[in-house]
N, C-alpha and C. Protein backbone atom coordinates (compact mmCIF):
# COMPACT_ATOMS: atom_id res chain seq x y z
N MET A 1 17.97 22.61 -34.77
CA MET A 1 19.16 23.02 -33.90
C MET A 1 19.56 21.98 -33.02
N ARG A 2 20.23 21.20 -33.27
CA ARG A 2 21.01 20.32 -32.29
C ARG A 2 21.43 20.73 -31.45
N ILE A 3 22.14 20.34 -30.00
CA ILE A 3 22.80 20.57 -29.17
C ILE A 3 23.94 19.24 -29.28
N ASN A 4 25.13 19.84 -28.72
CA ASN A 4 26.57 19.33 -28.54
C ASN A 4 26.19 18.49 -27.49
N GLN A 5 26.03 17.30 -26.66
CA GLN A 5 25.96 16.89 -25.39
C GLN A 5 27.05 17.44 -24.77
N ARG A 6 28.90 16.98 -25.77
CA ARG A 6 29.90 17.00 -24.77
C ARG A 6 30.25 18.30 -24.25
N LYS A 7 29.95 19.37 -25.53
CA LYS A 7 29.81 21.34 -25.52
C LYS A 7 29.20 21.88 -24.45
N MET A 8 27.65 21.02 -24.15
CA MET A 8 27.49 21.38 -23.16
C MET A 8 27.38 21.30 -21.62
N GLN A 9 28.08 19.78 -21.55
CA GLN A 9 28.79 18.93 -20.28
C GLN A 9 29.71 20.11 -19.77
N GLU A 10 30.53 19.86 -20.99
CA GLU A 10 31.69 20.93 -20.56
C GLU A 10 31.52 22.85 -20.20
N ALA A 11 30.64 22.82 -21.17
CA ALA A 11 30.19 24.66 -20.41
C ALA A 11 29.23 24.30 -18.83
N MET A 12 28.73 23.49 -18.78
CA MET A 12 28.53 23.40 -17.48
C MET A 12 29.06 22.93 -16.68
N ARG A 13 30.04 22.48 -16.57
CA ARG A 13 31.27 21.55 -15.69
C ARG A 13 32.47 23.40 -15.27
N ARG A 14 32.44 24.20 -16.67
CA ARG A 14 33.03 25.40 -15.90
C ARG A 14 32.12 25.99 -14.99
N LEU A 15 30.91 26.32 -15.21
CA LEU A 15 29.86 27.57 -14.04
C LEU A 15 29.56 26.74 -13.00
N GLY A 16 30.18 25.46 -13.39
CA GLY A 16 30.45 25.27 -11.76
C GLY A 16 29.15 23.79 -11.44
N ILE A 17 28.64 23.95 -12.53
CA ILE A 17 27.02 22.59 -12.35
C ILE A 17 27.32 21.85 -12.33
N GLN A 18 27.08 21.31 -11.77
CA GLN A 18 27.22 19.10 -12.07
C GLN A 18 25.79 18.64 -11.77
N GLN A 19 25.83 17.81 -12.50
CA GLN A 19 24.92 16.64 -13.02
C GLN A 19 25.34 15.08 -12.99
N GLN A 20 24.29 14.45 -11.71
CA GLN A 20 24.31 13.28 -10.81
C GLN A 20 23.25 12.88 -11.64
N GLU A 21 22.81 11.06 -12.25
CA GLU A 21 21.39 10.74 -12.35
C GLU A 21 21.45 10.11 -11.43
N VAL A 22 20.39 10.17 -10.65
CA VAL A 22 19.79 9.09 -9.43
C VAL A 22 19.08 8.56 -9.79
N PRO A 23 19.20 7.06 -9.58
CA PRO A 23 18.94 5.51 -10.13
C PRO A 23 17.15 5.18 -8.83
N ALA A 24 15.76 6.07 -9.83
CA ALA A 24 14.76 5.58 -8.67
C ALA A 24 13.44 4.68 -8.88
N GLU A 25 12.92 4.67 -8.50
CA GLU A 25 12.03 3.87 -8.35
C GLU A 25 10.45 4.68 -8.43
N ARG A 26 10.90 5.16 -7.60
CA ARG A 26 9.57 6.59 -7.26
C ARG A 26 10.09 7.32 -6.54
N VAL A 27 8.86 8.03 -6.56
CA VAL A 27 9.33 9.50 -5.97
C VAL A 27 7.82 9.68 -5.16
N ILE A 28 7.96 10.13 -3.82
CA ILE A 28 6.95 10.59 -3.41
C ILE A 28 7.33 11.95 -3.07
N ILE A 29 6.28 12.62 -2.52
CA ILE A 29 6.40 14.01 -2.35
C ILE A 29 5.06 13.61 -1.53
N GLU A 30 5.07 14.20 0.08
CA GLU A 30 4.23 14.36 0.92
C GLU A 30 3.38 15.66 1.44
N SER A 31 2.64 16.06 1.41
CA SER A 31 1.78 17.27 2.22
C SER A 31 1.12 17.12 3.01
N SER A 32 0.59 17.82 3.69
CA SER A 32 -0.73 17.52 4.37
C SER A 32 -2.07 16.93 4.27
N ASP A 33 -2.46 17.28 2.57
CA ASP A 33 -3.50 16.40 2.21
C ASP A 33 -3.74 15.57 1.14
N LYS A 34 -2.36 15.29 0.77
CA LYS A 34 -2.37 14.63 -0.68
C LYS A 34 -0.98 13.93 -0.90
N ARG A 35 -0.57 12.46 -1.52
CA ARG A 35 0.33 12.47 -2.11
C ARG A 35 0.97 12.70 -3.54
N ILE A 36 1.89 12.67 -3.84
CA ILE A 36 1.89 12.89 -5.35
C ILE A 36 3.07 12.16 -5.46
N ILE A 37 2.69 11.00 -6.15
CA ILE A 37 3.45 9.71 -6.38
C ILE A 37 4.14 10.10 -8.30
N ILE A 38 5.53 10.19 -8.43
CA ILE A 38 6.35 9.66 -9.40
C ILE A 38 6.63 8.48 -10.08
N ASP A 39 6.44 7.57 -10.54
CA ASP A 39 6.45 5.74 -11.00
C ASP A 39 7.52 6.65 -12.14
N SER A 40 7.92 5.40 -12.30
CA SER A 40 9.59 5.23 -13.44
C SER A 40 10.34 6.97 -13.53
N PRO A 41 10.09 7.91 -13.21
CA PRO A 41 10.70 8.88 -12.95
C PRO A 41 12.22 8.67 -13.63
N GLN A 42 12.71 9.80 -13.68
CA GLN A 42 13.67 10.45 -14.17
C GLN A 42 14.23 11.19 -12.97
N VAL A 43 15.72 11.19 -12.45
CA VAL A 43 15.43 12.22 -11.51
C VAL A 43 17.51 12.12 -11.98
N VAL A 44 17.18 13.38 -11.77
CA VAL A 44 18.86 14.24 -11.94
C VAL A 44 19.06 14.93 -10.44
N LYS A 45 19.88 14.71 -10.14
CA LYS A 45 20.77 15.66 -9.27
C LYS A 45 21.62 16.82 -9.57
N VAL A 46 21.27 17.90 -9.09
CA VAL A 46 22.00 18.79 -9.90
C VAL A 46 22.84 20.06 -9.11
N ASN A 47 24.31 20.12 -8.39
CA ASN A 47 24.67 21.24 -7.15
C ASN A 47 25.44 21.78 -8.45
N LEU A 48 24.79 23.09 -7.69
CA LEU A 48 24.87 24.51 -8.54
C LEU A 48 25.80 25.38 -7.22
N MET A 49 26.93 24.95 -7.43
CA MET A 49 27.95 25.84 -6.31
C MET A 49 27.63 25.43 -4.85
N GLY A 50 27.57 24.57 -4.50
CA GLY A 50 26.93 23.97 -3.58
C GLY A 50 25.79 23.74 -2.90
N GLN A 51 24.73 24.13 -3.92
CA GLN A 51 23.24 24.02 -3.88
C GLN A 51 22.93 23.03 -4.14
N GLU A 52 21.99 21.45 -3.94
CA GLU A 52 21.42 20.99 -4.52
C GLU A 52 20.54 21.13 -4.91
N THR A 53 19.72 20.36 -5.53
CA THR A 53 18.20 20.66 -6.40
C THR A 53 18.25 19.26 -7.20
N PHE A 54 17.17 18.72 -7.66
CA PHE A 54 16.47 17.89 -7.62
C PHE A 54 15.64 18.29 -9.36
N GLN A 55 15.70 17.06 -10.24
CA GLN A 55 14.84 17.60 -11.57
C GLN A 55 14.42 15.92 -11.72
N ILE A 56 12.70 16.28 -12.09
CA ILE A 56 12.52 14.69 -11.68
C ILE A 56 11.15 15.14 -12.47
N THR A 57 11.31 14.08 -13.86
CA THR A 57 10.21 13.64 -14.50
C THR A 57 9.74 12.66 -14.65
N GLY A 58 8.60 12.00 -15.20
CA GLY A 58 7.89 10.72 -14.96
C GLY A 58 6.32 11.24 -14.92
N ALA A 59 6.13 9.56 -14.70
CA ALA A 59 4.58 9.79 -14.50
C ALA A 59 3.89 10.29 -13.21
N VAL A 60 2.64 11.13 -12.85
CA VAL A 60 2.25 11.75 -11.71
C VAL A 60 0.80 11.27 -11.67
N ARG A 61 0.77 10.95 -10.73
CA ARG A 61 0.06 10.40 -10.12
C ARG A 61 -1.15 10.85 -8.74
N GLU A 62 -1.59 11.62 -8.68
CA GLU A 62 -1.53 12.13 -6.82
C GLU A 62 -3.14 11.03 -6.17
N GLU A 63 -2.40 11.17 -4.75
CA GLU A 63 -3.89 9.84 -4.31
C GLU A 63 -4.07 10.99 -2.17
N PRO A 64 -4.92 11.40 -1.99
CA PRO A 64 -5.50 11.86 -0.56
C PRO A 64 -4.78 11.33 0.57
N ILE A 65 -4.33 11.39 1.36
CA ILE A 65 -3.70 11.35 2.58
C ILE A 65 -4.90 10.89 3.56
N GLU A 66 -5.29 9.90 3.67
CA GLU A 66 -6.44 9.93 4.80
C GLU A 66 -5.20 9.65 6.32
N PHE A 67 -6.39 10.19 7.52
CA PHE A 67 -5.74 10.89 8.49
C PHE A 67 -6.65 9.45 8.76
N LYS A 68 -5.52 8.98 9.96
CA LYS A 68 -5.39 7.42 10.85
C LYS A 68 -5.08 7.93 12.69
N PRO A 69 -6.14 8.39 13.54
CA PRO A 69 -6.07 8.27 14.39
C PRO A 69 -5.59 6.96 15.30
N SER A 70 -4.16 7.47 15.79
CA SER A 70 -3.10 6.56 17.00
C SER A 70 -4.15 5.50 17.81
N GLU A 71 -3.88 4.46 18.32
CA GLU A 71 -4.87 3.51 19.13
C GLU A 71 -4.74 4.81 20.79
N GLU A 72 -4.01 5.18 21.17
CA GLU A 72 -3.61 5.72 21.95
C GLU A 72 -4.55 7.19 22.01
N ASP A 73 -4.71 7.81 21.40
CA ASP A 73 -5.59 8.47 21.22
C ASP A 73 -6.90 8.93 21.25
N VAL A 74 -7.34 7.30 20.55
CA VAL A 74 -8.78 6.60 20.42
C VAL A 74 -8.64 6.31 22.36
N LYS A 75 -8.16 5.40 22.54
CA LYS A 75 -8.31 5.19 24.07
C LYS A 75 -8.51 6.38 24.99
N LEU A 76 -7.64 7.32 24.98
CA LEU A 76 -8.21 8.69 25.66
C LEU A 76 -8.89 9.09 25.29
N VAL A 77 -9.81 9.61 24.11
CA VAL A 77 -10.87 10.24 23.87
C VAL A 77 -12.34 9.48 24.54
N MET A 78 -12.07 7.87 24.49
CA MET A 78 -12.90 6.92 24.52
C MET A 78 -13.41 7.17 26.54
N GLU A 79 -11.93 7.23 26.59
CA GLU A 79 -12.11 7.04 28.37
C GLU A 79 -12.75 8.49 29.02
N LYS A 80 -12.34 10.17 27.89
CA LYS A 80 -12.59 10.86 28.70
C LYS A 80 -14.57 11.07 28.26
N THR A 81 -14.57 10.56 26.97
CA THR A 81 -16.64 10.56 27.11
C THR A 81 -17.05 9.96 26.98
N GLY A 82 -16.85 8.91 27.51
CA GLY A 82 -17.26 7.03 27.25
C GLY A 82 -18.14 7.13 25.73
N LYS A 83 -17.95 7.06 24.93
CA LYS A 83 -18.08 7.00 23.53
C LYS A 83 -17.14 5.79 22.74
N SER A 84 -18.23 5.30 21.91
CA SER A 84 -18.08 3.77 21.29
C SER A 84 -16.62 4.24 20.03
N LYS A 85 -15.71 3.00 20.09
CA LYS A 85 -14.51 3.53 19.53
C LYS A 85 -14.97 4.17 17.90
N GLU A 86 -16.27 3.42 17.24
CA GLU A 86 -16.61 4.03 16.31
C GLU A 86 -16.41 5.50 16.06
N GLU A 87 -17.50 5.68 16.99
CA GLU A 87 -17.77 7.35 17.31
C GLU A 87 -16.03 8.06 17.56
N VAL A 88 -15.83 7.85 18.73
CA VAL A 88 -14.53 8.18 18.68
C VAL A 88 -13.58 8.57 17.23
N VAL A 89 -13.29 7.74 16.46
CA VAL A 89 -13.01 7.54 15.23
C VAL A 89 -13.34 8.82 14.35
N GLU A 90 -14.45 8.79 13.88
CA GLU A 90 -15.05 9.35 13.77
C GLU A 90 -14.86 11.08 13.84
N ALA A 91 -14.74 11.64 15.05
CA ALA A 91 -14.54 12.60 15.23
C ALA A 91 -12.82 13.04 15.60
N LEU A 92 -12.11 12.62 16.25
CA LEU A 92 -11.22 12.27 15.36
C LEU A 92 -10.23 12.50 14.21
N LYS A 93 -10.99 12.21 12.95
CA LYS A 93 -10.82 12.27 11.59
C LYS A 93 -11.63 13.35 11.21
N SER A 94 -12.83 14.34 11.84
CA SER A 94 -13.18 15.10 11.47
C SER A 94 -12.79 16.53 12.08
N SER A 95 -11.86 16.65 13.23
CA SER A 95 -11.05 17.21 13.57
C SER A 95 -9.55 17.44 13.58
N ASN A 96 -8.90 16.60 12.54
CA ASN A 96 -7.97 16.36 11.81
C ASN A 96 -7.16 16.01 12.92
N GLY A 97 -7.37 14.84 14.22
CA GLY A 97 -6.57 14.36 14.56
C GLY A 97 -6.75 15.80 16.45
N ASP A 98 -7.39 16.83 16.26
CA ASP A 98 -7.03 17.54 17.57
C ASP A 98 -8.10 16.69 18.55
N ILE A 99 -7.00 16.46 19.75
CA ILE A 99 -8.03 15.28 21.03
C ILE A 99 -9.05 16.81 21.53
N ALA A 100 -9.11 17.64 21.89
CA ALA A 100 -9.50 18.44 22.57
C ALA A 100 -10.31 18.70 21.33
N SER A 101 -10.75 19.21 20.38
CA SER A 101 -11.97 19.63 19.59
C SER A 101 -12.69 18.16 19.45
N ALA A 102 -12.51 16.73 18.92
CA ALA A 102 -12.88 15.80 19.42
C ALA A 102 -13.49 15.26 20.61
N ILE A 103 -13.36 15.59 21.78
CA ILE A 103 -13.75 15.75 22.89
C ILE A 103 -14.94 16.32 22.86
N LEU A 104 -14.40 18.50 22.91
CA LEU A 104 -15.73 18.74 22.77
C LEU A 104 -16.90 18.47 22.26
N LYS A 105 -17.30 17.86 20.77
CA LYS A 105 -17.69 17.35 19.63
C LYS A 105 -18.36 16.39 20.18
N LEU A 106 -18.07 15.63 21.24
CA LEU A 106 -18.68 14.16 22.04
C LEU A 106 -19.19 14.50 22.96
N SER A 107 -18.58 15.07 23.23
CA SER A 107 -19.47 15.99 24.80
C SER A 107 -21.06 16.75 24.71
N GLN A 108 -20.93 17.07 23.47
CA GLN A 108 -22.31 17.78 22.68
C GLN A 108 -23.36 17.60 23.34
């Protein structure tokens, strides 16, 4: 069964549904531990009675997010513990940036 696009668009318009294609080269969704990357996506913005949603299709890949502590945090923990930069960076990474936990870990 073949769908008539013109009739489909008209029916959607009567229901208050509007679609708009969004030109995109890449879509990135970031969570606390990973990044979902959609290359060469087809993105459609759908507006249904004022509520906007996006439909995305394309080649999906995932990358882990590596935590990198700020220089200020590293300096602070180095001052408080007297440890080397490498030790402090490792402690901050293992504690997900929690300065107090990193200081406690390095002080033991």
